[in-house]
N, C-alpha and C. Protein backbone atom coordinates (compact mmCIF):
# COMPACT_ATOMS: atom_id res chain seq x y z
N MET A 1 140.53 112.10 32.54
CA MET A 1 139.46 111.40 33.16
C MET A 1 139.98 110.26 34.01
N MET A 2 139.30 110.07 35.10
CA MET A 2 139.75 109.08 36.05
C MET A 2 139.09 107.74 35.80
N SER A 3 139.88 106.74 35.90
CA SER A 3 139.34 105.41 35.68
C SER A 3 138.82 104.86 37.00
N ILE A 4 137.71 104.19 36.93
CA ILE A 4 137.15 103.61 38.15
C ILE A 4 137.49 102.13 38.25
N ARG A 5 138.23 101.67 37.30
CA ARG A 5 138.65 100.27 37.36
C ARG A 5 139.71 100.08 38.41
N ARG A 6 139.71 98.95 39.02
CA ARG A 6 140.70 98.66 40.04
C ARG A 6 142.05 98.42 39.39
N LYS A 7 143.09 98.89 40.06
CA LYS A 7 144.43 98.69 39.54
C LYS A 7 144.89 97.29 39.94
N PRO A 8 145.75 96.76 39.19
CA PRO A 8 146.24 95.42 39.54
C PRO A 8 146.98 95.46 40.88
N GLN A 9 146.87 94.36 41.60
CA GLN A 9 147.42 94.25 42.95
C GLN A 9 148.93 94.44 42.98
N ASP A 10 149.62 93.93 42.05
CA ASP A 10 151.08 94.05 42.06
C ASP A 10 151.52 95.49 41.85
N GLU A 11 150.75 96.28 41.09
CA GLU A 11 151.08 97.68 40.90
C GLU A 11 150.90 98.45 42.21
N VAL A 12 149.83 98.15 42.94
CA VAL A 12 149.58 98.80 44.23
C VAL A 12 150.68 98.45 45.20
N LEU A 13 151.05 97.21 45.26
CA LEU A 13 152.12 96.79 46.17
C LEU A 13 153.45 97.43 45.79
N SER A 14 153.71 97.57 44.53
CA SER A 14 154.98 98.19 44.15
C SER A 14 155.00 99.66 44.54
N ARG A 15 153.87 100.37 44.38
CA ARG A 15 153.82 101.77 44.81
C ARG A 15 154.00 101.87 46.33
N PHE A 16 153.30 100.99 47.07
CA PHE A 16 153.41 100.99 48.54
C PHE A 16 154.85 100.69 48.96
N GLY A 17 155.50 99.77 48.28
CA GLY A 17 156.88 99.43 48.59
C GLY A 17 157.81 100.61 48.34
N ARG A 18 157.56 101.36 47.26
CA ARG A 18 158.40 102.53 46.98
C ARG A 18 158.23 103.60 48.05
N VAL A 19 156.98 103.82 48.48
CA VAL A 19 156.72 104.82 49.53
C VAL A 19 157.39 104.40 50.83
N ARG A 20 157.28 103.12 51.15
CA ARG A 20 157.88 102.62 52.38
C ARG A 20 159.40 102.76 52.33
N GLU A 21 159.98 102.48 51.22
CA GLU A 21 161.43 102.61 51.07
C GLU A 21 161.85 104.08 51.19
N ALA A 22 161.05 104.99 50.64
CA ALA A 22 161.36 106.42 50.74
C ALA A 22 161.29 106.88 52.20
N CYS A 23 160.32 106.38 52.94
CA CYS A 23 160.20 106.73 54.36
C CYS A 23 161.39 106.21 55.15
N ARG A 24 161.82 105.01 54.85
CA ARG A 24 162.98 104.46 55.56
C ARG A 24 164.22 105.28 55.27
N HIS A 25 164.41 105.63 54.03
CA HIS A 25 165.57 106.42 53.64
C HIS A 25 165.52 107.80 54.32
N GLY A 26 164.33 108.43 54.34
CA GLY A 26 164.19 109.74 54.98
C GLY A 26 164.45 109.67 56.48
N ALA A 27 163.96 108.61 57.13
CA ALA A 27 164.16 108.45 58.57
C ALA A 27 165.64 108.25 58.88
N GLU A 28 166.31 107.46 58.07
CA GLU A 28 167.74 107.22 58.29
C GLU A 28 168.53 108.51 58.11
N SER A 29 168.17 109.27 57.10
CA SER A 29 168.83 110.55 56.86
C SER A 29 168.59 111.51 58.02
N TRP A 30 167.37 111.50 58.52
CA TRP A 30 167.02 112.39 59.63
C TRP A 30 167.80 112.01 60.88
N ARG A 31 167.94 110.70 61.13
CA ARG A 31 168.70 110.24 62.31
C ARG A 31 170.15 110.68 62.21
N GLN A 32 170.74 110.57 61.07
CA GLN A 32 172.14 110.96 60.91
C GLN A 32 172.30 112.46 61.11
N ASN A 33 171.41 113.24 60.53
CA ASN A 33 171.50 114.70 60.69
C ASN A 33 171.24 115.12 62.14
N ALA A 34 170.28 114.47 62.80
CA ALA A 34 169.98 114.80 64.20
C ALA A 34 171.15 114.44 65.10
N SER A 35 171.78 113.34 64.83
CA SER A 35 172.93 112.92 65.63
C SER A 35 174.07 113.91 65.46
N GLY A 36 174.29 114.37 64.26
CA GLY A 36 175.35 115.37 64.02
C GLY A 36 175.02 116.69 64.71
N ALA A 37 173.77 117.10 64.66
CA ALA A 37 173.36 118.35 65.31
C ALA A 37 173.51 118.23 66.82
N ALA A 38 173.15 117.06 67.39
CA ALA A 38 173.30 116.86 68.83
C ALA A 38 174.76 116.92 69.23
N ASP A 39 175.65 116.37 68.41
CA ASP A 39 177.08 116.42 68.73
C ASP A 39 177.59 117.86 68.69
N ARG A 40 177.07 118.68 67.77
CA ARG A 40 177.51 120.07 67.68
C ARG A 40 176.93 120.92 68.82
N ILE A 41 175.71 120.62 69.24
CA ILE A 41 175.02 121.45 70.24
C ILE A 41 175.38 121.05 71.67
N ALA A 42 175.80 119.83 71.91
CA ALA A 42 176.06 119.34 73.26
C ALA A 42 176.99 120.24 74.06
N PRO A 43 178.14 120.70 73.53
CA PRO A 43 179.01 121.56 74.35
C PRO A 43 178.33 122.90 74.69
N ALA A 44 177.61 123.47 73.75
CA ALA A 44 176.93 124.74 74.02
C ALA A 44 175.84 124.55 75.06
N ALA A 45 175.13 123.44 74.99
CA ALA A 45 174.09 123.16 75.97
C ALA A 45 174.69 122.98 77.35
N GLN A 46 175.86 122.33 77.42
CA GLN A 46 176.51 122.14 78.72
C GLN A 46 176.94 123.49 79.30
N ARG A 47 177.49 124.37 78.48
CA ARG A 47 177.88 125.70 78.96
C ARG A 47 176.66 126.49 79.43
N THR A 48 175.59 126.41 78.66
CA THR A 48 174.36 127.11 79.04
C THR A 48 173.83 126.58 80.37
N ARG A 49 173.88 125.28 80.55
CA ARG A 49 173.43 124.67 81.80
C ARG A 49 174.27 125.16 82.97
N ASP A 50 175.60 125.23 82.79
CA ASP A 50 176.48 125.70 83.86
C ASP A 50 176.23 127.16 84.20
N VAL A 51 176.06 128.00 83.18
CA VAL A 51 175.80 129.43 83.42
C VAL A 51 174.46 129.61 84.13
N ALA A 52 173.45 128.87 83.68
CA ALA A 52 172.13 128.98 84.31
C ALA A 52 172.20 128.54 85.77
N SER A 53 172.94 127.49 86.05
CA SER A 53 173.09 127.02 87.43
C SER A 53 173.75 128.09 88.30
N ASP A 54 174.79 128.72 87.77
CA ASP A 54 175.46 129.79 88.52
C ASP A 54 174.51 130.97 88.77
N ARG A 55 173.77 131.35 87.76
CA ARG A 55 172.84 132.48 87.90
C ARG A 55 171.73 132.17 88.91
N ILE A 56 171.26 130.94 88.90
CA ILE A 56 170.22 130.55 89.86
C ILE A 56 170.78 130.62 91.28
N MET A 57 172.00 130.16 91.48
CA MET A 57 172.60 130.23 92.82
C MET A 57 172.79 131.69 93.24
N ASP A 58 173.20 132.56 92.31
CA ASP A 58 173.34 133.98 92.63
C ASP A 58 171.97 134.57 93.02
N ALA A 59 170.96 134.23 92.27
CA ALA A 59 169.61 134.75 92.57
C ALA A 59 169.12 134.25 93.93
N ARG A 60 169.41 133.00 94.24
CA ARG A 60 168.99 132.48 95.55
C ARG A 60 169.73 133.19 96.67
N GLY A 61 171.04 133.45 96.47
CA GLY A 61 171.81 134.17 97.49
C GLY A 61 171.30 135.59 97.68
N TRP A 62 170.90 136.24 96.60
CA TRP A 62 170.38 137.61 96.67
C TRP A 62 168.99 137.65 97.32
N SER A 63 168.13 136.66 97.00
CA SER A 63 166.75 136.73 97.45
C SER A 63 166.55 136.20 98.87
N ALA A 64 167.41 135.33 99.37
CA ALA A 64 167.21 134.73 100.70
C ALA A 64 167.11 135.79 101.81
N PRO A 65 168.05 136.75 101.90
CA PRO A 65 167.91 137.75 102.98
C PRO A 65 166.68 138.62 102.81
N ARG A 66 166.30 138.92 101.58
CA ARG A 66 165.11 139.75 101.36
C ARG A 66 163.84 139.00 101.76
N ILE A 67 163.80 137.71 101.48
CA ILE A 67 162.65 136.90 101.90
C ILE A 67 162.58 136.84 103.42
N GLU A 68 163.74 136.70 104.05
CA GLU A 68 163.75 136.65 105.52
C GLU A 68 163.29 137.97 106.13
N ASN A 69 163.73 139.10 105.55
CA ASN A 69 163.26 140.41 106.03
C ASN A 69 161.75 140.55 105.84
N ALA A 70 161.26 140.09 104.72
CA ALA A 70 159.82 140.15 104.47
C ALA A 70 159.06 139.29 105.48
N ALA A 71 159.61 138.13 105.80
CA ALA A 71 158.97 137.26 106.79
C ALA A 71 158.91 137.93 108.15
N ARG A 72 160.02 138.57 108.56
CA ARG A 72 160.03 139.28 109.85
C ARG A 72 159.00 140.41 109.87
N TYR A 73 158.89 141.13 108.77
CA TYR A 73 157.92 142.23 108.69
C TYR A 73 156.49 141.70 108.79
N VAL A 74 156.22 140.60 108.08
CA VAL A 74 154.87 140.03 108.12
C VAL A 74 154.55 139.54 109.53
N GLU A 75 155.50 138.85 110.17
CA GLU A 75 155.25 138.33 111.52
C GLU A 75 155.10 139.44 112.54
N GLY A 76 155.95 140.45 112.47
CA GLY A 76 155.96 141.48 113.51
C GLY A 76 155.06 142.66 113.25
N GLY A 77 154.92 143.07 112.01
CA GLY A 77 154.19 144.30 111.75
C GLY A 77 152.88 144.10 111.02
N LEU A 78 152.89 143.28 110.02
CA LEU A 78 151.71 143.15 109.17
C LEU A 78 150.67 142.21 109.77
N ALA A 79 151.10 141.09 110.30
CA ALA A 79 150.14 140.09 110.79
C ALA A 79 149.23 140.63 111.89
N PRO A 80 149.76 141.34 112.91
CA PRO A 80 148.84 141.87 113.92
C PRO A 80 147.83 142.85 113.34
N ARG A 81 148.28 143.68 112.40
CA ARG A 81 147.35 144.64 111.79
C ARG A 81 146.30 143.92 110.95
N VAL A 82 146.72 142.91 110.20
CA VAL A 82 145.77 142.16 109.39
C VAL A 82 144.79 141.42 110.30
N GLY A 83 145.30 140.83 111.38
CA GLY A 83 144.42 140.14 112.32
C GLY A 83 143.41 141.08 112.94
N SER A 84 143.86 142.26 113.36
CA SER A 84 142.95 143.25 113.93
C SER A 84 141.92 143.69 112.90
N PHE A 85 142.38 143.93 111.68
CA PHE A 85 141.46 144.33 110.62
C PHE A 85 140.40 143.26 110.38
N LEU A 86 140.83 141.99 110.32
CA LEU A 86 139.88 140.91 110.08
C LEU A 86 138.89 140.77 111.24
N SER A 87 139.34 140.99 112.46
CA SER A 87 138.43 140.93 113.60
C SER A 87 137.40 142.05 113.51
N ASP A 88 137.84 143.25 113.14
CA ASP A 88 136.90 144.37 112.99
C ASP A 88 135.88 144.07 111.89
N VAL A 89 136.36 143.54 110.78
CA VAL A 89 135.46 143.23 109.67
C VAL A 89 134.46 142.15 110.10
N ALA A 90 134.92 141.16 110.84
CA ALA A 90 134.02 140.10 111.30
C ALA A 90 132.94 140.68 112.21
N GLY A 91 133.32 141.63 113.06
CA GLY A 91 132.33 142.28 113.93
C GLY A 91 131.31 143.07 113.13
N ARG A 92 131.76 143.68 112.06
CA ARG A 92 130.83 144.46 111.23
C ARG A 92 129.92 143.57 110.39
N VAL A 93 130.45 142.45 109.96
CA VAL A 93 129.70 141.56 109.09
C VAL A 93 128.67 140.74 109.87
N GLU A 94 128.99 140.42 111.13
CA GLU A 94 128.09 139.58 111.93
C GLU A 94 126.74 140.26 112.08
N PRO A 95 125.67 139.52 111.84
CA PRO A 95 124.34 140.13 111.98
C PRO A 95 124.05 140.43 113.44
N PRO A 96 123.21 141.45 113.71
CA PRO A 96 122.90 141.79 115.10
C PRO A 96 122.12 140.66 115.75
N LYS A 97 122.35 140.50 117.05
CA LYS A 97 121.65 139.47 117.78
C LYS A 97 120.18 139.87 117.90
N PRO A 98 119.27 138.92 117.75
CA PRO A 98 117.85 139.26 117.83
C PRO A 98 117.49 139.74 119.24
N SER A 99 116.68 140.76 119.31
CA SER A 99 116.29 141.35 120.59
C SER A 99 115.11 140.57 121.15
N HIS A 100 115.24 140.15 122.40
CA HIS A 100 114.17 139.45 123.09
C HIS A 100 113.55 140.36 124.15
N ARG A 101 113.62 141.66 123.91
CA ARG A 101 113.14 142.61 124.91
C ARG A 101 111.65 142.42 125.19
N GLY A 102 110.83 142.26 124.17
CA GLY A 102 109.40 142.06 124.36
C GLY A 102 109.12 140.80 125.15
N ARG A 103 109.83 139.73 124.82
CA ARG A 103 109.66 138.48 125.54
C ARG A 103 110.15 138.62 126.97
N ASN A 104 111.27 139.33 127.16
CA ASN A 104 111.81 139.51 128.50
C ASN A 104 110.84 140.29 129.38
N ILE A 105 110.23 141.34 128.82
CA ILE A 105 109.28 142.14 129.60
C ILE A 105 108.09 141.27 129.98
N THR A 106 107.62 140.44 129.06
CA THR A 106 106.49 139.56 129.35
C THR A 106 106.84 138.58 130.46
N VAL A 107 108.02 138.01 130.42
CA VAL A 107 108.44 137.06 131.45
C VAL A 107 108.54 137.77 132.80
N VAL A 108 109.09 138.98 132.83
CA VAL A 108 109.20 139.72 134.09
C VAL A 108 107.82 140.05 134.65
N MET A 109 106.91 140.48 133.80
CA MET A 109 105.55 140.79 134.25
C MET A 109 104.86 139.54 134.80
N LEU A 110 105.00 138.43 134.10
CA LEU A 110 104.40 137.18 134.55
C LEU A 110 104.98 136.77 135.90
N ALA A 111 106.30 136.91 136.07
CA ALA A 111 106.93 136.57 137.34
C ALA A 111 106.42 137.49 138.45
N ALA A 112 106.24 138.79 138.16
CA ALA A 112 105.74 139.72 139.18
C ALA A 112 104.31 139.37 139.58
N VAL A 113 103.47 139.05 138.59
CA VAL A 113 102.08 138.67 138.90
C VAL A 113 102.06 137.39 139.73
N ALA A 114 102.91 136.43 139.38
CA ALA A 114 102.97 135.18 140.14
C ALA A 114 103.44 135.45 141.57
N ALA A 115 104.44 136.32 141.72
CA ALA A 115 104.93 136.64 143.06
C ALA A 115 103.83 137.32 143.89
N VAL A 116 103.09 138.25 143.29
CA VAL A 116 102.00 138.91 144.01
C VAL A 116 100.92 137.89 144.37
N GLY A 117 100.62 136.97 143.46
CA GLY A 117 99.62 135.93 143.75
C GLY A 117 100.06 135.02 144.87
N ILE A 118 101.31 134.63 144.87
CA ILE A 118 101.83 133.78 145.94
C ILE A 118 101.81 134.53 147.26
N ALA A 119 102.23 135.79 147.24
CA ALA A 119 102.21 136.58 148.48
C ALA A 119 100.78 136.73 148.99
N GLY A 120 99.81 136.95 148.09
CA GLY A 120 98.41 137.05 148.50
C GLY A 120 97.92 135.76 149.10
N ALA A 121 98.28 134.62 148.50
CA ALA A 121 97.86 133.32 149.03
C ALA A 121 98.46 133.08 150.39
N VAL A 122 99.71 133.42 150.58
CA VAL A 122 100.37 133.25 151.88
C VAL A 122 99.70 134.13 152.93
N MET A 123 99.42 135.36 152.58
CA MET A 123 98.77 136.27 153.54
C MET A 123 97.37 135.78 153.89
N THR A 124 96.64 135.30 152.89
CA THR A 124 95.29 134.79 153.16
C THR A 124 95.37 133.58 154.08
N LYS A 125 96.30 132.70 153.81
CA LYS A 125 96.47 131.51 154.65
C LYS A 125 96.86 131.91 156.06
N ARG A 126 97.76 132.87 156.18
CA ARG A 126 98.20 133.34 157.49
C ARG A 126 97.03 133.98 158.25
N ASN A 127 96.24 134.80 157.56
CA ASN A 127 95.10 135.44 158.21
C ASN A 127 94.07 134.41 158.65
N SER A 128 93.81 133.41 157.82
CA SER A 128 92.83 132.39 158.22
C SER A 128 93.35 131.59 159.40
N MET A 129 94.64 131.30 159.42
CA MET A 129 95.22 130.58 160.56
C MET A 129 95.13 131.45 161.82
N GLN A 130 95.38 132.73 161.66
CA GLN A 130 95.32 133.65 162.80
C GLN A 130 93.89 133.74 163.33
N SER A 131 92.92 133.81 162.42
CA SER A 131 91.53 133.90 162.88
C SER A 131 91.09 132.61 163.55
N LEU A 132 91.57 131.48 163.07
CA LEU A 132 91.26 130.22 163.74
C LEU A 132 91.88 130.18 165.13
N MET A 133 93.10 130.68 165.21
CA MET A 133 93.79 130.69 166.52
C MET A 133 93.04 131.62 167.47
N ASP A 134 92.60 132.77 166.96
CA ASP A 134 91.86 133.71 167.81
C ASP A 134 90.55 133.09 168.25
N ASP A 135 89.85 132.38 167.36
CA ASP A 135 88.59 131.74 167.71
C ASP A 135 88.81 130.65 168.75
N ASP A 136 89.88 129.88 168.58
CA ASP A 136 90.16 128.82 169.55
C ASP A 136 90.49 129.42 170.91
N MET A 137 91.21 130.51 170.91
CA MET A 137 91.59 131.14 172.17
C MET A 137 90.38 131.78 172.85
N SER A 138 89.50 132.37 172.09
CA SER A 138 88.35 133.05 172.69
C SER A 138 87.29 132.06 173.12
N GLN A 139 87.20 130.91 172.48
CA GLN A 139 86.20 129.93 172.86
C GLN A 139 86.43 129.39 174.26
N PRO A 140 87.60 129.01 174.69
CA PRO A 140 87.76 128.54 176.05
C PRO A 140 87.43 129.64 177.06
N GLU A 141 87.76 130.87 176.79
CA GLU A 141 87.41 131.95 177.72
C GLU A 141 85.90 132.10 177.77
N HIS A 142 85.26 132.02 176.61
CA HIS A 142 83.81 132.16 176.55
C HIS A 142 83.14 130.99 177.29
N GLU A 143 83.67 129.78 177.10
CA GLU A 143 83.13 128.62 177.80
C GLU A 143 83.38 128.73 179.30
N ALA A 144 84.56 129.20 179.66
CA ALA A 144 84.88 129.34 181.09
C ALA A 144 83.98 130.37 181.73
N SER A 145 83.71 131.48 181.06
CA SER A 145 82.82 132.50 181.64
C SER A 145 81.39 131.98 181.68
N ALA A 146 80.98 131.18 180.68
CA ALA A 146 79.64 130.61 180.67
C ALA A 146 79.50 129.61 181.81
N LYS A 147 80.52 128.83 182.07
CA LYS A 147 80.48 127.86 183.15
C LYS A 147 80.43 128.58 184.49
N SER A 148 81.24 129.63 184.62
CA SER A 148 81.23 130.35 185.90
C SER A 148 79.89 131.02 186.13
N GLU A 149 79.27 131.52 185.07
CA GLU A 149 77.94 132.11 185.23
C GLU A 149 76.92 131.05 185.58
N ALA A 150 77.06 129.92 184.97
CA ALA A 150 76.14 128.84 185.26
C ALA A 150 76.32 128.37 186.69
N ASN A 151 77.56 128.31 187.12
CA ASN A 151 77.87 127.90 188.49
C ASN A 151 77.38 128.96 189.48
N SER A 152 77.53 130.18 189.13
CA SER A 152 77.11 131.22 190.06
C SER A 152 75.60 131.24 190.19
N HIS A 153 74.88 130.95 189.13
CA HIS A 153 73.41 130.88 189.21
C HIS A 153 72.97 129.62 189.95
N ALA A 154 73.76 128.61 189.83
CA ALA A 154 73.37 127.37 190.46
C ALA A 154 73.57 127.45 191.96
N HIS A 155 74.49 128.18 192.44
CA HIS A 155 74.77 128.25 193.86
C HIS A 155 73.88 129.27 194.55
N THR A 156 73.35 130.17 193.93
CA THR A 156 72.52 131.16 194.60
C THR A 156 71.06 130.69 194.61
N PRO A 157 70.47 130.79 195.77
CA PRO A 157 69.09 130.35 195.87
C PRO A 157 68.11 131.40 195.56
């Protein structure tokens, strides 16, 4: 059975002190073992680093010409085809332009009616001007003949 009474303070501190001392001892032991392991592994790590560096340089030497060939192919052969393909796709995807045929026919008809109306107005104006000119021209002749008739009647007894 567990006691619910509080333990004396000095007993708690002594237990805490023992745990703290055990942690210090464990940490010191761990540091010594880690230092020894690092000393044993350091030469192998250096060799691994050197081998990896050599392999990376070999891989770069092998891949550089292949990357350059791929770049030439993309620039010369693939890019124009991809560009053409994308242009074709853009043309297919673009929605059709709205047809203004009905509106265009209406505008043309309206313009034709306006042109006929203007031509009719011009012809009417021209005809009225012509009739006025004809009336003005015939009036002096009519007046001259009336005067001559009046004169001829006046002179005859």
